[in-house]
Protein backbone atom coordinates (compact mmCIF):
# COMPACT_ATOMS: atom_id res chain seq x y z
CA MET A 1 -221.45 54.95 200.14
CA ASN A 2 -220.71 58.86 198.23
CA GLY A 3 -218.79 59.63 202.04
CA GLU A 4 -216.20 56.47 200.95
CA PHE A 5 -216.09 58.41 197.26
CA LEU A 6 -214.81 61.73 198.56
CA LEU A 7 -212.80 59.63 201.13
CA ALA A 8 -211.18 57.54 198.48
CA ILE A 9 -210.60 61.25 196.19
CA GLU A 10 -208.78 63.10 198.93
CA ASP A 11 -207.15 59.87 199.30
CA ILE A 12 -206.00 59.46 195.84
CA ALA A 13 -205.66 63.22 195.41
CA LYS A 14 -202.91 63.40 198.22
CA GLU A 15 -201.18 60.22 197.40
CA LYS A 16 -200.40 61.91 193.78
CA GLY A 17 -200.28 64.91 194.50
CA ILE A 18 -202.67 66.75 193.00
CA LYS A 19 -205.56 69.41 193.61
CA LYS A 20 -208.84 67.54 194.58
CA ASP A 21 -211.20 69.74 192.47
CA THR A 22 -208.24 68.82 189.39
CA LEU A 23 -209.30 64.99 189.94
CA ILE A 24 -213.35 65.54 189.86
CA GLU A 25 -213.07 67.41 187.09
CA ALA A 26 -211.37 64.18 185.57
CA ILE A 27 -213.68 62.43 186.94
CA GLU A 28 -216.98 64.16 185.53
CA ALA A 29 -214.83 64.09 181.95
CA ALA A 30 -214.20 60.45 182.23
CA LEU A 31 -218.04 60.56 182.60
CA ILE A 32 -218.88 62.04 180.31
CA THR A 33 -216.76 60.26 177.70
CA ALA A 34 -218.11 56.95 179.34
CA TYR A 35 -221.74 58.01 178.22
CA LYS A 36 -220.31 59.03 174.85
CA LYS A 37 -218.77 55.38 174.53
CA ASN A 38 -222.49 53.77 175.11
CA TYR A 39 -224.74 56.30 174.15
CA GLY A 40 -223.32 57.44 170.94
CA THR A 41 -223.45 60.82 172.07
CA ALA A 42 -222.34 63.43 174.74
CA GLN A 43 -223.67 66.36 172.30
CA ASN A 44 -226.17 67.33 176.02
CA VAL A 45 -224.73 65.79 178.72
CA LYS A 46 -223.05 67.28 182.33
CA VAL A 47 -222.04 65.62 184.87
CA LEU A 48 -221.64 67.06 188.45
CA ILE A 49 -220.09 65.84 191.58
CA ASN A 50 -220.93 67.63 194.37
CA LYS A 51 -217.94 68.30 196.31
CA ASP A 52 -219.49 68.11 200.01
CA SER A 53 -221.71 65.44 199.78
CA GLY A 54 -220.59 63.55 197.05
CA VAL A 55 -223.20 62.87 195.14
CA VAL A 56 -222.73 62.46 190.89
CA GLU A 57 -225.53 64.10 189.17
CA VAL A 58 -225.67 62.90 185.25
CA TYR A 59 -228.12 65.32 183.05
CA ALA A 60 -229.20 64.10 179.28
CA LEU A 61 -230.94 67.21 177.63
């Protein structure tokens, strides 16, 4: 699935004419917002999307 996720990101970036890195940063920010909405805080949350493998990591400290 992670490979499909990266392909989808690349397709969207090409279609919309934006940089892949910009899109990944927006997705990371959106995941932090979703975490905040569901858990009431995003004070110490970090989301990382590996640009090579597509693995999404969420850290809550």
